[in-house]
């Protein structure tokens, strides 16, 4: 089950993760309002996120390997649009 992402950056995050990792669960949470006025706040309202993702692609992978898979799937969004992202990545059997 995937929750709808709002805003263009959140939608791109959801689309890229869905295409690359075929998640069984995906939540893209915009945390930007909590960081308004702090370093990395670009004023767009879409600079800080939490991603909660469950995917079979994470089975047998370490926490670091899972984060690398997410970052690879997001590509240039991580360097050009997103200042900070918390990632909670699990395999289905861990639920």
PDB file of N, CA and C in Angstrom:
ATOM      1  N   UNK A   1       0.846  -1.180   0.000  1.00  0.00           N
ATOM      2  CA  UNK A   1       0.000   0.000   0.000  1.00  0.00           C
ATOM      3  C   UNK A   1       0.889   1.241   0.000  1.00  0.00           C
ATOM      4  N   UNK A   2       0.566   2.171  -0.829  1.00  0.00           N
ATOM      5  CA  UNK A   2       1.340   3.398  -0.945  1.00  0.00           C
ATOM      6  C   UNK A   2       0.448   4.579  -0.611  1.00  0.00           C
ATOM      7  N   UNK A   3       0.970   5.480   0.203  1.00  0.00           N
ATOM      8  CA  UNK A   3       0.196   6.682   0.516  1.00  0.00           C
ATOM      9  C   UNK A   3       0.463   7.724  -0.557  1.00  0.00           C
ATOM     10  N   UNK A   4      -0.533   8.551  -0.851  1.00  0.00           N
ATOM     11  CA  UNK A   4      -0.309   9.576  -1.878  1.00  0.00           C
ATOM     12  C   UNK A   4       0.687  10.628  -1.392  1.00  0.00           C
ATOM     13  N   UNK A   5       1.607  10.976  -2.228  1.00  0.00           N
ATOM     14  CA  UNK A   5       2.589  12.018  -1.918  1.00  0.00           C
ATOM     15  C   UNK A   5       2.038  13.334  -2.424  1.00  0.00           C
ATOM     16  N   UNK A   6       2.293  14.401  -1.677  1.00  0.00           N
ATOM     17  CA  UNK A   6       1.837  15.719  -2.110  1.00  0.00           C
ATOM     18  C   UNK A   6       3.048  16.563  -2.456  1.00  0.00           C
ATOM     19  N   UNK A   7       2.858  17.513  -3.330  1.00  0.00           N
ATOM     20  CA  UNK A   7       3.961  18.362  -3.756  1.00  0.00           C
ATOM     21  C   UNK A   7       4.802  17.670  -4.803  1.00  0.00           C
ATOM     22  N   UNK A   8       5.404  18.442  -5.708  1.00  0.00           N
ATOM     23  CA  UNK A   8       6.146  17.849  -6.820  1.00  0.00           C
ATOM     24  C   UNK A   8       7.374  17.042  -6.398  1.00  0.00           C
ATOM     25  N   UNK A   9       8.102  17.470  -5.385  1.00  0.00           N
ATOM     26  CA  UNK A   9       9.287  16.722  -4.967  1.00  0.00           C
ATOM     27  C   UNK A   9       8.859  15.418  -4.300  1.00  0.00           C
ATOM     28  N   UNK A  10       7.867  15.478  -3.424  1.00  0.00           N
ATOM     29  CA  UNK A  10       7.356  14.266  -2.778  1.00  0.00           C
ATOM     30  C   UNK A  10       6.836  13.282  -3.825  1.00  0.00           C
ATOM     31  N   UNK A  11       6.169  13.778  -4.847  1.00  0.00           N
ATOM     32  CA  UNK A  11       5.661  12.910  -5.915  1.00  0.00           C
ATOM     33  C   UNK A  11       6.803  12.259  -6.686  1.00  0.00           C
ATOM     34  N   UNK A  12       7.877  13.013  -6.936  1.00  0.00           N
ATOM     35  CA  UNK A  12       9.041  12.444  -7.625  1.00  0.00           C
ATOM     36  C   UNK A  12       9.709  11.377  -6.765  1.00  0.00           C
ATOM     37  N   UNK A  13       9.811  11.632  -5.459  1.00  0.00           N
ATOM     38  CA  UNK A  13      10.394  10.647  -4.549  1.00  0.00           C
ATOM     39  C   UNK A  13       9.577   9.358  -4.617  1.00  0.00           C
ATOM     40  N   UNK A  14       8.267   9.467  -4.488  1.00  0.00           N
ATOM     41  CA  UNK A  14       7.395   8.293  -4.521  1.00  0.00           C
ATOM     42  C   UNK A  14       7.499   7.551  -5.851  1.00  0.00           C
ATOM     43  N   UNK A  15       7.508   8.283  -6.954  1.00  0.00           N
ATOM     44  CA  UNK A  15       7.573   7.652  -8.268  1.00  0.00           C
ATOM     45  C   UNK A  15       8.894   6.912  -8.474  1.00  0.00           C
ATOM     46  N   UNK A  16       9.995   7.540  -8.093  1.00  0.00           N
ATOM     47  CA  UNK A  16      11.302   6.906  -8.282  1.00  0.00           C
ATOM     48  C   UNK A  16      11.464   5.677  -7.399  1.00  0.00           C
ATOM     49  N   UNK A  17      11.009   5.759  -6.150  1.00  0.00           N
ATOM     50  CA  UNK A  17      11.119   4.603  -5.256  1.00  0.00           C
ATOM     51  C   UNK A  17      10.216   3.470  -5.717  1.00  0.00           C
ATOM     52  N   UNK A  18       9.037   3.807  -6.204  1.00  0.00           N
ATOM     53  CA  UNK A  18       8.118   2.783  -6.714  1.00  0.00           C
ATOM     54  C   UNK A  18       8.718   2.081  -7.929  1.00  0.00           C
ATOM     55  N   UNK A  19       9.290   2.837  -8.842  1.00  0.00           N
ATOM     56  CA  UNK A  19       9.874   2.252 -10.049  1.00  0.00           C
ATOM     57  C   UNK A  19      11.090   1.379  -9.731  1.00  0.00           C
ATOM     58  N   UNK A  20      11.928   1.819  -8.812  1.00  0.00           N
ATOM     59  CA  UNK A  20      13.179   1.119  -8.541  1.00  0.00           C
ATOM     60  C   UNK A  20      13.048  -0.037  -7.561  1.00  0.00           C
ATOM     61  N   UNK A  21      12.140   0.105  -6.576  1.00  0.00           N
ATOM     62  CA  UNK A  21      12.128  -0.866  -5.477  1.00  0.00           C
ATOM     63  C   UNK A  21      10.806  -1.603  -5.289  1.00  0.00           C
ATOM     64  N   UNK A  22       9.796  -1.309  -6.086  1.00  0.00           N
ATOM     65  CA  UNK A  22       8.491  -1.971  -6.017  1.00  0.00           C
ATOM     66  C   UNK A  22       8.051  -2.188  -4.569  1.00  0.00           C
ATOM     67  N   UNK A  23       7.890  -1.113  -3.801  1.00  0.00           N
ATOM     68  CA  UNK A  23       7.562  -1.272  -2.385  1.00  0.00           C
ATOM     69  C   UNK A  23       6.160  -1.820  -2.141  1.00  0.00           C
ATOM     70  N   UNK A  24       6.038  -2.613  -1.074  1.00  0.00           N
ATOM     71  CA  UNK A  24       4.719  -3.078  -0.645  1.00  0.00           C
ATOM     72  C   UNK A  24       4.076  -2.024   0.249  1.00  0.00           C
ATOM     73  N   UNK A  25       4.895  -1.168   0.841  1.00  0.00           N
ATOM     74  CA  UNK A  25       4.416  -0.022   1.626  1.00  0.00           C
ATOM     75  C   UNK A  25       5.356   1.146   1.360  1.00  0.00           C
ATOM     76  N   UNK A  26       4.789   2.329   1.246  1.00  0.00           N
ATOM     77  CA  UNK A  26       5.601   3.521   1.031  1.00  0.00           C
ATOM     78  C   UNK A  26       4.873   4.741   1.584  1.00  0.00           C
ATOM     79  N   UNK A  27       5.537   5.451   2.472  1.00  0.00           N
ATOM     80  CA  UNK A  27       5.040   6.724   2.970  1.00  0.00           C
ATOM     81  C   UNK A  27       6.137   7.751   2.764  1.00  0.00           C
ATOM     82  N   UNK A  28       5.820   8.830   2.094  1.00  0.00           N
ATOM     83  CA  UNK A  28       6.732   9.956   1.916  1.00  0.00           C
ATOM     84  C   UNK A  28       6.157  11.091   2.745  1.00  0.00           C
ATOM     85  N   UNK A  29       6.869  11.438   3.812  1.00  0.00           N
ATOM     86  CA  UNK A  29       6.386  12.421   4.770  1.00  0.00           C
ATOM     87  C   UNK A  29       7.223  13.690   4.640  1.00  0.00           C
ATOM     88  N   UNK A  30       6.554  14.794   4.393  1.00  0.00           N
ATOM     89  CA  UNK A  30       7.237  16.078   4.254  1.00  0.00           C
ATOM     90  C   UNK A  30       7.423  16.692   5.646  1.00  0.00           C
ATOM     91  N   UNK A  31       8.667  16.758   6.086  1.00  0.00           N
ATOM     92  CA  UNK A  31       9.010  17.315   7.399  1.00  0.00           C
ATOM     93  C   UNK A  31       9.501  18.760   7.304  1.00  0.00           C
ATOM     94  N   UNK A  32       9.392  19.374   6.161  1.00  0.00           N
ATOM     95  CA  UNK A  32       9.997  20.686   5.913  1.00  0.00           C
ATOM     96  C   UNK A  32       9.508  21.773   6.862  1.00  0.00           C
ATOM     97  N   UNK A  33       8.246  21.736   7.231  1.00  0.00           N
ATOM     98  CA  UNK A  33       7.713  22.778   8.113  1.00  0.00           C
ATOM     99  C   UNK A  33       8.433  22.804   9.457  1.00  0.00           C
ATOM    100  N   UNK A  34       8.920  21.648   9.896  1.00  0.00           N
ATOM    101  CA  UNK A  34       9.656  21.571  11.165  1.00  0.00           C
ATOM    102  C   UNK A  34      11.025  22.245  11.076  1.00  0.00           C
ATOM    103  N   UNK A  35      11.497  22.469   9.860  1.00  0.00           N
ATOM    104  CA  UNK A  35      12.843  22.994   9.650  1.00  0.00           C
ATOM    105  C   UNK A  35      12.851  24.387   9.022  1.00  0.00           C
ATOM    106  N   UNK A  36      11.706  25.027   8.974  1.00  0.00           N
ATOM    107  CA  UNK A  36      11.596  26.354   8.376  1.00  0.00           C
ATOM    108  C   UNK A  36      12.577  27.319   9.045  1.00  0.00           C
ATOM    109  N   UNK A  37      13.378  27.990   8.239  1.00  0.00           N
ATOM    110  CA  UNK A  37      14.344  28.951   8.747  1.00  0.00           C
ATOM    111  C   UNK A  37      15.674  28.345   9.153  1.00  0.00           C
ATOM    112  N   UNK A  38      15.778  27.023   9.138  1.00  0.00           N
ATOM    113  CA  UNK A  38      17.034  26.356   9.484  1.00  0.00           C
ATOM    114  C   UNK A  38      17.896  26.156   8.244  1.00  0.00           C
ATOM    115  N   UNK A  39      19.137  25.752   8.446  1.00  0.00           N
ATOM    116  CA  UNK A  39      20.039  25.469   7.330  1.00  0.00           C
ATOM    117  C   UNK A  39      19.397  24.415   6.426  1.00  0.00           C
ATOM    118  N   UNK A  40      19.480  24.631   5.153  1.00  0.00           N
ATOM    119  CA  UNK A  40      18.932  23.696   4.184  1.00  0.00           C
ATOM    120  C   UNK A  40      17.510  23.996   3.773  1.00  0.00           C
ATOM    121  N   UNK A  41      16.834  24.884   4.478  1.00  0.00           N
ATOM    122  CA  UNK A  41      15.489  25.279   4.099  1.00  0.00           C
ATOM    123  C   UNK A  41      15.598  26.230   2.908  1.00  0.00           C
ATOM    124  N   UNK A  42      15.180  25.750   1.755  1.00  0.00           N
ATOM    125  CA  UNK A  42      15.302  26.565   0.542  1.00  0.00           C
ATOM    126  C   UNK A  42      14.051  27.396   0.268  1.00  0.00           C
ATOM    127  N   UNK A  43      13.087  27.352   1.166  1.00  0.00           N
ATOM    128  CA  UNK A  43      11.862  28.127   1.002  1.00  0.00           C
ATOM    129  C   UNK A  43      10.812  27.453   0.139  1.00  0.00           C
ATOM    130  N   UNK A  44      11.133  26.299  -0.441  1.00  0.00           N
ATOM    131  CA  UNK A  44      10.196  25.609  -1.324  1.00  0.00           C
ATOM    132  C   UNK A  44       9.121  24.853  -0.555  1.00  0.00           C
ATOM    133  N   UNK A  45       9.382  24.576   0.718  1.00  0.00           N
ATOM    134  CA  UNK A  45       8.458  23.768   1.494  1.00  0.00           C
ATOM    135  C   UNK A  45       8.639  22.287   1.244  1.00  0.00           C
ATOM    136  N   UNK A  46       9.660  21.937   0.477  1.00  0.00           N
ATOM    137  CA  UNK A  46       9.950  20.528   0.186  1.00  0.00           C
ATOM    138  C   UNK A  46      11.465  20.292   0.207  1.00  0.00           C
ATOM    139  N   UNK A  47      12.036  20.356   1.390  1.00  0.00           N
ATOM    140  CA  UNK A  47      13.481  20.166   1.505  1.00  0.00           C
ATOM    141  C   UNK A  47      13.866  19.069   2.490  1.00  0.00           C
ATOM    142  N   UNK A  48      12.958  18.705   3.398  1.00  0.00           N
ATOM    143  CA  UNK A  48      13.224  17.709   4.435  1.00  0.00           C
ATOM    144  C   UNK A  48      12.112  16.652   4.407  1.00  0.00           C
ATOM    145  N   UNK A  49      12.500  15.378   4.368  1.00  0.00           N
ATOM    146  CA  UNK A  49      11.522  14.292   4.256  1.00  0.00           C
ATOM    147  C   UNK A  49      11.884  13.120   5.153  1.00  0.00           C
ATOM    148  N   UNK A  50      10.861  12.332   5.463  1.00  0.00           N
ATOM    149  CA  UNK A  50      11.034  11.007   6.039  1.00  0.00           C
ATOM    150  C   UNK A  50      10.398  10.042   5.056  1.00  0.00           C
ATOM    151  N   UNK A  51      11.117   8.971   4.742  1.00  0.00           N
ATOM    152  CA  UNK A  51      10.588   7.923   3.876  1.00  0.00           C
ATOM    153  C   UNK A  51      10.498   6.644   4.698  1.00  0.00           C
ATOM    154  N   UNK A  52       9.296   6.079   4.733  1.00  0.00           N
ATOM    155  CA  UNK A  52       9.070   4.787   5.378  1.00  0.00           C
ATOM    156  C   UNK A  52       8.730   3.837   4.239  1.00  0.00           C
ATOM    157  N   UNK A  53       9.598   2.855   4.014  1.00  0.00           N
ATOM    158  CA  UNK A  53       9.446   1.989   2.852  1.00  0.00           C
ATOM    159  C   UNK A  53       9.675   0.530   3.235  1.00  0.00           C
ATOM    160  N   UNK A  54       8.806  -0.320   2.712  1.00  0.00           N
ATOM    161  CA  UNK A  54       8.944  -1.765   2.879  1.00  0.00           C
ATOM    162  C   UNK A  54       9.049  -2.368   1.484  1.00  0.00           C
ATOM    163  N   UNK A  55      10.093  -3.159   1.264  1.00  0.00           N
ATOM    164  CA  UNK A  55      10.306  -3.741  -0.060  1.00  0.00           C
ATOM    165  C   UNK A  55      11.059  -5.060   0.062  1.00  0.00           C
ATOM    166  N   UNK A  56      10.697  -6.000  -0.788  1.00  0.00           N
ATOM    167  CA  UNK A  56      11.423  -7.274  -0.843  1.00  0.00           C
ATOM    168  C   UNK A  56      12.875  -7.063  -1.263  1.00  0.00           C
ATOM    169  N   UNK A  57      13.152  -5.943  -1.914  1.00  0.00           N
ATOM    170  CA  UNK A  57      14.527  -5.637  -2.339  1.00  0.00           C
ATOM    171  C   UNK A  57      15.467  -5.488  -1.148  1.00  0.00           C
ATOM    172  N   UNK A  58      14.912  -5.273   0.053  1.00  0.00           N
ATOM    173  CA  UNK A  58      15.739  -5.082   1.244  1.00  0.00           C
ATOM    174  C   UNK A  58      16.043  -6.384   1.983  1.00  0.00           C
ATOM    175  N   UNK A  59      15.452  -7.474   1.556  1.00  0.00           N
ATOM    176  CA  UNK A  59      15.678  -8.756   2.216  1.00  0.00           C
ATOM    177  C   UNK A  59      17.159  -9.119   2.180  1.00  0.00           C
ATOM    178  N   UNK A  60      17.702  -9.426   3.353  1.00  0.00           N
ATOM    179  CA  UNK A  60      19.102  -9.821   3.457  1.00  0.00           C
ATOM    180  C   UNK A  60      20.101  -8.680   3.379  1.00  0.00           C
ATOM    181  N   UNK A  61      19.608  -7.447   3.317  1.00  0.00           N
ATOM    182  CA  UNK A  61      20.489  -6.273   3.194  1.00  0.00           C
ATOM    183  C   UNK A  61      20.660  -5.597   4.558  1.00  0.00           C
ATOM    184  N   UNK A  62      21.842  -5.031   4.771  1.00  0.00           N
ATOM    185  CA  UNK A  62      22.099  -4.268   5.993  1.00  0.00           C
ATOM    186  C   UNK A  62      21.390  -2.919   5.904  1.00  0.00           C
ATOM    187  N   UNK A  63      21.344  -2.235   7.025  1.00  0.00           N
ATOM    188  CA  UNK A  63      20.732  -0.895   7.054  1.00  0.00           C
ATOM    189  C   UNK A  63      21.432   0.040   6.057  1.00  0.00           C
ATOM    190  N   UNK A  64      22.751  -0.001   6.018  1.00  0.00           N
ATOM    191  CA  UNK A  64      23.510   0.842   5.094  1.00  0.00           C
ATOM    192  C   UNK A  64      23.209   0.491   3.645  1.00  0.00           C
ATOM    193  N   UNK A  65      23.147  -0.799   3.326  1.00  0.00           N
ATOM    194  CA  UNK A  65      22.837  -1.211   1.952  1.00  0.00           C
ATOM    195  C   UNK A  65      21.439  -0.744   1.541  1.00  0.00           C
ATOM    196  N   UNK A  66      20.507  -0.790   2.467  1.00  0.00           N
ATOM    197  CA  UNK A  66      19.139  -0.342   2.179  1.00  0.00           C
ATOM    198  C   UNK A  66      19.123   1.155   1.901  1.00  0.00           C
ATOM    199  N   UNK A  67      19.834   1.918   2.707  1.00  0.00           N
ATOM    200  CA  UNK A  67      19.886   3.366   2.497  1.00  0.00           C
ATOM    201  C   UNK A  67      20.542   3.690   1.162  1.00  0.00           C
ATOM    202  N   UNK A  68      21.560   2.939   0.809  1.00  0.00           N
ATOM    203  CA  UNK A  68      22.207   3.160  -0.491  1.00  0.00           C
ATOM    204  C   UNK A  68      21.261   2.866  -1.640  1.00  0.00           C
ATOM    205  N   UNK A  69      20.439   1.814  -1.521  1.00  0.00           N
ATOM    206  CA  UNK A  69      19.460   1.509  -2.567  1.00  0.00           C
ATOM    207  C   UNK A  69      18.459   2.652  -2.727  1.00  0.00           C
ATOM    208  N   UNK A  70      17.998   3.187  -1.611  1.00  0.00           N
ATOM    209  CA  UNK A  70      17.056   4.313  -1.662  1.00  0.00           C
ATOM    210  C   UNK A  70      17.728   5.530  -2.293  1.00  0.00           C
ATOM    211  N   UNK A  71      18.926   5.859  -1.824  1.00  0.00           N
ATOM    212  CA  UNK A  71      19.635   7.027  -2.368  1.00  0.00           C
ATOM    213  C   UNK A  71      19.925   6.869  -3.858  1.00  0.00           C
ATOM    214  N   UNK A  72      20.295   5.672  -4.269  1.00  0.00           N
ATOM    215  CA  UNK A  72      20.559   5.420  -5.696  1.00  0.00           C
ATOM    216  C   UNK A  72      19.281   5.615  -6.513  1.00  0.00           C
ATOM    217  N   UNK A  73      18.165   5.127  -5.994  1.00  0.00           N
ATOM    218  CA  UNK A  73      16.884   5.275  -6.701  1.00  0.00           C
ATOM    219  C   UNK A  73      16.494   6.740  -6.837  1.00  0.00           C
ATOM    220  N   UNK A  74      16.833   7.548  -5.839  1.00  0.00           N
ATOM    221  CA  UNK A  74      16.462   8.964  -5.866  1.00  0.00           C
ATOM    222  C   UNK A  74      17.422   9.818  -6.687  1.00  0.00           C
ATOM    223  N   UNK A  75      18.639   9.327  -6.874  1.00  0.00           N
ATOM    224  CA  UNK A  75      19.606   9.990  -7.747  1.00  0.00           C
ATOM    225  C   UNK A  75      19.790  11.464  -7.457  1.00  0.00           C
ATOM    226  N   UNK A  76      19.615  12.289  -8.480  1.00  0.00           N
ATOM    227  CA  UNK A  76      19.894  13.726  -8.392  1.00  0.00           C
ATOM    228  C   UNK A  76      18.965  14.480  -7.439  1.00  0.00           C
ATOM    229  N   UNK A  77      17.830  13.896  -7.077  1.00  0.00           N
ATOM    230  CA  UNK A  77      16.955  14.572  -6.110  1.00  0.00           C
ATOM    231  C   UNK A  77      17.680  14.782  -4.782  1.00  0.00           C
ATOM    232  N   UNK A  78      18.547  13.852  -4.433  1.00  0.00           N
ATOM    233  CA  UNK A  78      19.253  13.938  -3.151  1.00  0.00           C
ATOM    234  C   UNK A  78      20.315  15.033  -3.148  1.00  0.00           C
ATOM    235  N   UNK A  79      20.798  15.406  -4.288  1.00  0.00           N
ATOM    236  CA  UNK A  79      21.831  16.451  -4.335  1.00  0.00           C
ATOM    237  C   UNK A  79      21.276  17.805  -4.763  1.00  0.00           C
ATOM    238  N   UNK A  80      20.165  17.790  -5.493  1.00  0.00           N
ATOM    239  CA  UNK A  80      19.657  19.038  -6.055  1.00  0.00           C
ATOM    240  C   UNK A  80      18.392  19.575  -5.400  1.00  0.00           C
ATOM    241  N   UNK A  81      17.563  18.714  -4.814  1.00  0.00           N
ATOM    242  CA  UNK A  81      16.268  19.180  -4.297  1.00  0.00           C
ATOM    243  C   UNK A  81      16.052  18.897  -2.820  1.00  0.00           C
ATOM    244  N   UNK A  82      16.635  17.806  -2.304  1.00  0.00           N
ATOM    245  CA  UNK A  82      16.376  17.379  -0.931  1.00  0.00           C
ATOM    246  C   UNK A  82      17.589  17.691  -0.065  1.00  0.00           C
ATOM    247  N   UNK A  83      17.351  18.397   1.036  1.00  0.00           N
ATOM    248  CA  UNK A  83      18.444  18.713   1.956  1.00  0.00           C
ATOM    249  C   UNK A  83      18.662  17.584   2.957  1.00  0.00           C
ATOM    250  N   UNK A  84      17.596  16.996   3.469  1.00  0.00           N
ATOM    251  CA  UNK A  84      17.720  15.951   4.476  1.00  0.00           C
ATOM    252  C   UNK A  84      16.605  14.929   4.305  1.00  0.00           C
ATOM    253  N   UNK A  85      16.961  13.651   4.553  1.00  0.00           N
ATOM    254  CA  UNK A  85      15.969  12.594   4.465  1.00  0.00           C
ATOM    255  C   UNK A  85      16.270  11.531   5.514  1.00  0.00           C
ATOM    256  N   UNK A  86      15.260  11.226   6.302  1.00  0.00           N
ATOM    257  CA  UNK A  86      15.324  10.096   7.222  1.00  0.00           C
ATOM    258  C   UNK A  86      14.722   8.902   6.492  1.00  0.00           C
ATOM    259  N   UNK A  87      15.404   7.771   6.550  1.00  0.00           N
ATOM    260  CA  UNK A  87      14.959   6.584   5.820  1.00  0.00           C
ATOM    261  C   UNK A  87      14.714   5.453   6.810  1.00  0.00           C
ATOM    262  N   UNK A  88      13.497   4.912   6.783  1.00  0.00           N
ATOM    263  CA  UNK A  88      13.173   3.719   7.556  1.00  0.00           C
ATOM    264  C   UNK A  88      12.809   2.638   6.542  1.00  0.00           C
ATOM    265  N   UNK A  89      13.755   1.746   6.278  1.00  0.00           N
ATOM    266  CA  UNK A  89      13.595   0.739   5.229  1.00  0.00           C
ATOM    267  C   UNK A  89      13.554  -0.658   5.857  1.00  0.00           C
ATOM    268  N   UNK A  90      12.487  -1.403   5.547  1.00  0.00           N
ATOM    269  CA  UNK A  90      12.343  -2.752   6.060  1.00  0.00           C
ATOM    270  C   UNK A  90      11.973  -3.723   4.947  1.00  0.00           C
ATOM    271  N   UNK A  91      12.240  -4.992   5.210  1.00  0.00           N
ATOM    272  CA  UNK A  91      11.806  -6.062   4.316  1.00  0.00           C
ATOM    273  C   UNK A  91      10.446  -6.551   4.822  1.00  0.00           C
ATOM    274  N   UNK A  92       9.610  -7.123   3.949  1.00  0.00           N
ATOM    275  CA  UNK A  92       8.262  -7.551   4.352  1.00  0.00           C
ATOM    276  C   UNK A  92       8.258  -8.502   5.553  1.00  0.00           C
ATOM    277  N   UNK A  93       9.206  -9.381   5.636  1.00  0.00           N
ATOM    278  CA  UNK A  93       9.218 -10.353   6.717  1.00  0.00           C
ATOM    279  C   UNK A  93       9.568  -9.735   8.080  1.00  0.00           C
ATOM    280  N   UNK A  94       9.966  -8.489   8.085  1.00  0.00           N
ATOM    281  CA  UNK A  94      10.314  -7.802   9.334  1.00  0.00           C
ATOM    282  C   UNK A  94       9.127  -7.067   9.951  1.00  0.00           C
ATOM    283  N   UNK A  95       8.031  -7.010   9.227  1.00  0.00           N
ATOM    284  CA  UNK A  95       6.861  -6.247   9.695  1.00  0.00           C
ATOM    285  C   UNK A  95       6.211  -6.864  10.918  1.00  0.00           C
TER     286      UNK A  95
END
